[in-house]
Amino acid sequence: MAKLIMKISKEVAEICGCSVEAVVKYAQNPENQINFIGSGQRKTYIWLEDDIERFKNRPGPGRPPQK
C-alpha cells in the first residue's frame, strides 16, 4: 500500500540526487504509472513513496554488464 506522502518532481530530484529532467522523463513513460494533474505540456507529476522507491531502484544508464 502506498503511503500518502506526496512529492513533486523537483523534490524527487533533490531526494535522489539527479536532475529534474531525468525525473520527468521517467514519469512521462506510461509504463511507470506516475500519477499527474493537468494535461499536455502542463502536467504536474505526483510522486508517492512507492514511486520514489521504484525510481531509486531503476536500472542505471548504459548496457548491462556481460556475464
Protein backbone atom coordinates (compact mmCIF):
# COMPACT_ATOMS: atom_id res chain seq x y z
CA MET A 1 0.00 0.00 0.00
CA ALA A 2 1.39 3.39 -0.99
CA LYS A 3 1.96 5.94 1.74
CA LEU A 4 0.11 9.21 1.38
CA ILE A 5 3.25 11.36 1.41
CA MET A 6 3.27 13.12 -1.97
CA LYS A 7 6.16 14.91 -3.67
CA ILE A 8 6.57 16.84 -6.91
CA SER A 9 9.30 16.15 -9.46
CA LYS A 10 11.68 18.84 -8.16
CA GLU A 11 11.56 17.35 -4.65
CA VAL A 12 12.15 13.84 -6.01
CA ALA A 13 15.21 15.06 -7.92
CA GLU A 14 16.63 16.57 -4.71
CA ILE A 15 15.96 13.36 -2.75
CA CYS A 16 17.55 11.11 -5.39
CA GLY A 17 20.42 13.43 -6.29
CA CYS A 18 19.68 13.60 -10.01
CA SER A 19 18.37 16.15 -12.50
CA VAL A 20 14.74 17.22 -12.75
CA GLU A 21 14.87 16.26 -16.44
CA ALA A 22 15.69 12.64 -15.57
CA VAL A 23 12.84 12.50 -13.07
CA VAL A 24 10.31 13.97 -15.53
CA LYS A 25 11.47 11.69 -18.34
CA TYR A 26 10.92 8.68 -16.06
CA ALA A 27 7.48 10.00 -15.07
CA GLN A 28 6.42 10.57 -18.69
CA ASN A 29 6.80 6.88 -19.51
CA PRO A 30 3.30 5.33 -19.17
CA GLU A 31 4.81 2.00 -18.03
CA ASN A 32 5.99 3.67 -14.79
CA GLN A 33 2.42 4.73 -13.87
CA ILE A 34 3.20 8.03 -12.14
CA ASN A 35 0.02 10.00 -11.37
CA PHE A 36 -0.31 13.52 -12.72
CA ILE A 37 -2.56 16.56 -12.66
CA GLY A 38 -3.14 18.64 -15.79
CA SER A 39 -2.86 17.86 -19.49
CA GLY A 40 -0.48 18.34 -22.38
CA GLN A 41 2.70 20.23 -21.51
CA ARG A 42 1.23 21.45 -18.19
CA LYS A 43 1.38 18.19 -16.26
CA THR A 44 2.42 18.14 -12.62
CA TYR A 45 3.54 14.66 -11.60
CA ILE A 46 2.53 13.50 -8.14
CA TRP A 47 5.01 11.03 -6.63
CA LEU A 48 4.10 8.64 -3.82
CA GLU A 49 6.70 6.92 -1.62
CA ASP A 50 6.37 3.69 -3.66
CA ASP A 51 7.01 5.62 -6.88
CA ILE A 52 10.15 7.17 -5.41
CA GLU A 53 11.44 3.75 -4.34
CA ARG A 54 10.84 2.36 -7.85
CA PHE A 55 12.70 5.35 -9.32
CA LYS A 56 15.67 4.85 -6.98
CA ASN A 57 15.84 1.13 -7.90
CA ARG A 58 15.61 1.65 -11.68
CA PRO A 59 18.40 0.21 -13.83
CA GLY A 60 21.24 2.64 -14.49
CA PRO A 61 22.11 4.06 -17.91
CA GLY A 62 24.19 2.12 -20.42
CA ARG A 63 24.49 -1.51 -21.32
CA PRO A 64 24.19 -4.11 -18.58
CA PRO A 65 27.45 -5.91 -17.75
CA GLN A 66 28.07 -9.14 -19.63
CA LYS A 67 28.20 -12.35 -17.66
